[in-house]
C-alpha atoms as a PDB file:
ATOM      1  CA  MET A   1       6.971   3.180   0.222  1.00  0.00           C
ATOM      2  CA  ASN A   2       9.715   4.218   2.590  1.00  0.00           C
ATOM      3  CA  GLU A   3       8.184   5.417   5.883  1.00  0.00           C
ATOM      4  CA  LYS A   4      10.571   8.371   5.988  1.00  0.00           C
ATOM      5  CA  PHE A   5       9.329   9.530   2.596  1.00  0.00           C
ATOM      6  CA  PHE A   6       5.608   9.288   3.428  1.00  0.00           C
ATOM      7  CA  PRO A   7       5.259  12.674   5.244  1.00  0.00           C
ATOM      8  CA  TYR A   8       6.994  14.377   2.303  1.00  0.00           C
ATOM      9  CA  PHE A   9       4.596  12.658  -0.095  1.00  0.00           C
ATOM     10  CA  LEU A  10       1.559  13.874   1.902  1.00  0.00           C
ATOM     11  CA  ASP A  11       2.904  17.417   2.099  1.00  0.00           C
ATOM     12  CA  CYS A  12       3.804  17.587  -1.585  1.00  0.00           C
ATOM     13  CA  TYR A  13       0.464  16.243  -2.800  1.00  0.00           C
ATOM     14  CA  SER A  14      -1.529  18.388  -0.361  1.00  0.00           C
ATOM     15  CA  LYS A  15       0.218  21.549  -1.547  1.00  0.00           C
ATOM     16  CA  ARG A  16      -0.461  20.670  -5.188  1.00  0.00           C
ATOM     17  CA  ILE A  17      -4.142  19.914  -4.561  1.00  0.00           C
ATOM     18  CA  VAL A  18      -4.604  23.148  -2.589  1.00  0.00           C
ATOM     19  CA  LEU A  19      -2.926  25.204  -5.325  1.00  0.00           C
ATOM     20  CA  LYS A  20      -5.081  23.596  -8.031  1.00  0.00           C
ATOM     21  CA  SER A  21      -8.224  24.210  -5.940  1.00  0.00           C
ATOM     22  CA  CYS A  22      -7.315  27.863  -5.447  1.00  0.00           C
ATOM     23  CA  ASN A  23      -6.591  28.387  -9.132  1.00  0.00           C
ATOM     24  CA  LYS A  24      -9.595  26.519 -10.505  1.00  0.00           C
ATOM     25  CA  TYR A  25     -12.260  27.504  -7.966  1.00  0.00           C
ATOM     26  CA  GLY A  26     -10.957  30.790  -6.583  1.00  0.00           C
ATOM     27  CA  LEU A  27     -10.788  29.420  -3.047  1.00  0.00           C
ATOM     28  CA  SER A  28      -8.506  30.948  -0.457  1.00  0.00           C
ATOM     29  CA  GLU A  29      -5.594  28.730   0.550  1.00  0.00           C
ATOM     30  CA  ILE A  30      -7.105  28.215   3.994  1.00  0.00           C
ATOM     31  CA  GLU A  31     -10.498  27.199   2.585  1.00  0.00           C
ATOM     32  CA  ALA A  32      -8.929  24.902  -0.014  1.00  0.00           C
ATOM     33  CA  LEU A  33      -6.767  23.272   2.658  1.00  0.00           C
ATOM     34  CA  ARG A  34      -9.740  22.877   5.011  1.00  0.00           C
ATOM     35  CA  ARG A  35     -11.816  21.209   2.300  1.00  0.00           C
ATOM     36  CA  PHE A  36      -9.020  18.889   1.246  1.00  0.00           C
ATOM     37  CA  LEU A  37      -7.988  17.845   4.761  1.00  0.00           C
ATOM     38  CA  SER A  38     -11.592  17.026   5.662  1.00  0.00           C
ATOM     39  CA  SER A  39     -12.164  14.936   2.523  1.00  0.00           C
ATOM     40  CA  GLU A  40     -12.350  11.197   1.999  1.00  0.00           C
ATOM     41  CA  THR A  41      -9.727  11.697  -0.711  1.00  0.00           C
ATOM     42  CA  TYR A  42      -7.264  12.943   1.899  1.00  0.00           C
ATOM     43  CA  ARG A  43      -8.093  10.034   4.215  1.00  0.00           C
ATOM     44  CA  MET A  44      -7.326   7.682   1.332  1.00  0.00           C
ATOM     45  CA  LEU A  45      -4.098   9.570   0.621  1.00  0.00           C
ATOM     46  CA  CYS A  46      -3.032   9.094   4.268  1.00  0.00           C
ATOM     47  CA  ASP A  47      -3.664   5.350   4.158  1.00  0.00           C
ATOM     48  CA  PRO A  48      -0.512   3.556   2.947  1.00  0.00           C
ATOM     49  CA  ALA A  49      -2.655   0.539   2.046  1.00  0.00           C
ATOM     50  CA  CYS A  50      -4.285   2.604  -0.729  1.00  0.00           C
ATOM     51  CA  ALA A  51      -0.885   3.137  -2.419  1.00  0.00           C
ATOM     52  CA  MET A  52      -1.953   6.557  -3.702  1.00  0.00           C
ATOM     53  CA  TRP A  53       1.669   7.444  -4.537  1.00  0.00           C
ATOM     54  CA  GLU A  54       1.016   5.439  -7.708  1.00  0.00           C
ATOM     55  CA  ILE A  55      -1.467   8.137  -8.811  1.00  0.00           C
ATOM     56  CA  SER A  56      -0.273  11.553  -9.979  1.00  0.00           C
ATOM     57  CA  SER A  57      -1.304  14.704  -8.140  1.00  0.00           C
ATOM     58  CA  ASP A  58      -3.586  15.441 -11.117  1.00  0.00           C
ATOM     59  CA  GLY A  59      -5.280  12.108 -10.501  1.00  0.00           C
ATOM     60  CA  VAL A  60      -5.697  12.836  -6.803  1.00  0.00           C
ATOM     61  CA  PHE A  61      -7.123  16.261  -7.677  1.00  0.00           C
ATOM     62  CA  ASP A  62      -9.604  14.549 -10.002  1.00  0.00           C
ATOM     63  CA  MET A  63     -10.585  12.236  -7.161  1.00  0.00           C
ATOM     64  CA  TRP A  64     -11.104  15.230  -4.861  1.00  0.00           C
ATOM     65  CA  GLU A  65     -13.224  17.001  -7.516  1.00  0.00           C
ATOM     66  CA  CYS A  66     -15.337  13.881  -8.015  1.00  0.00           C
ATOM     67  CA  GLU A  67     -15.857  13.702  -4.283  1.00  0.00           C
ATOM     68  CA  GLN A  68     -16.964  17.352  -4.189  1.00  0.00           C
ATOM     69  CA  ILE A  69     -19.425  16.770  -7.045  1.00  0.00           C
ATOM     70  CA  THR A  70     -20.692  13.225  -6.411  1.00  0.00           C
ATOM     71  CA  GLY A  71     -19.791  12.627  -2.781  1.00  0.00           C
ATOM     72  CA  ASP A  72     -17.427   9.742  -3.591  1.00  0.00           C
ATOM     73  CA  PRO A  73     -13.805  10.010  -4.766  1.00  0.00           C
ATOM     74  CA  ARG A  74     -14.109   6.499  -6.174  1.00  0.00           C
ATOM     75  CA  ASN A  75     -16.105   7.950  -9.081  1.00  0.00           C
ATOM     76  CA  SER A  76     -12.843   9.330 -10.499  1.00  0.00           C
ATOM     77  CA  ILE A  77     -11.691   7.917 -13.829  1.00  0.00           C
ATOM     78  CA  TYR A  78      -8.353   7.245 -12.147  1.00  0.00           C
ATOM     79  CA  ILE A  79      -9.709   4.507  -9.922  1.00  0.00           C
ATOM     80  CA  ARG A  80     -13.070   3.407 -11.366  1.00  0.00           C
ATOM     81  CA  LEU A  81     -13.245  -0.193 -12.434  1.00  0.00           C
ATOM     82  CA  ASP A  82     -15.605   0.200 -15.402  1.00  0.00           C
END
């Protein structure tokens, strides 16, 4: 991925995840953003080695939900190996 594009990618995905969190769980934007930015899912999103731009924002949201429920974003159907 182009390094100049990476901040845009993070911003775009973060906004989508926050909006989905607000709509689905009734969280305020601040609370949704706080939860997402402090998540393992977000740390993975920030790591270019994870190549998360290959996963849709819906997939990243699923990873975040799995992390909230199970404690591990790797339980998401989007990245499980089973």
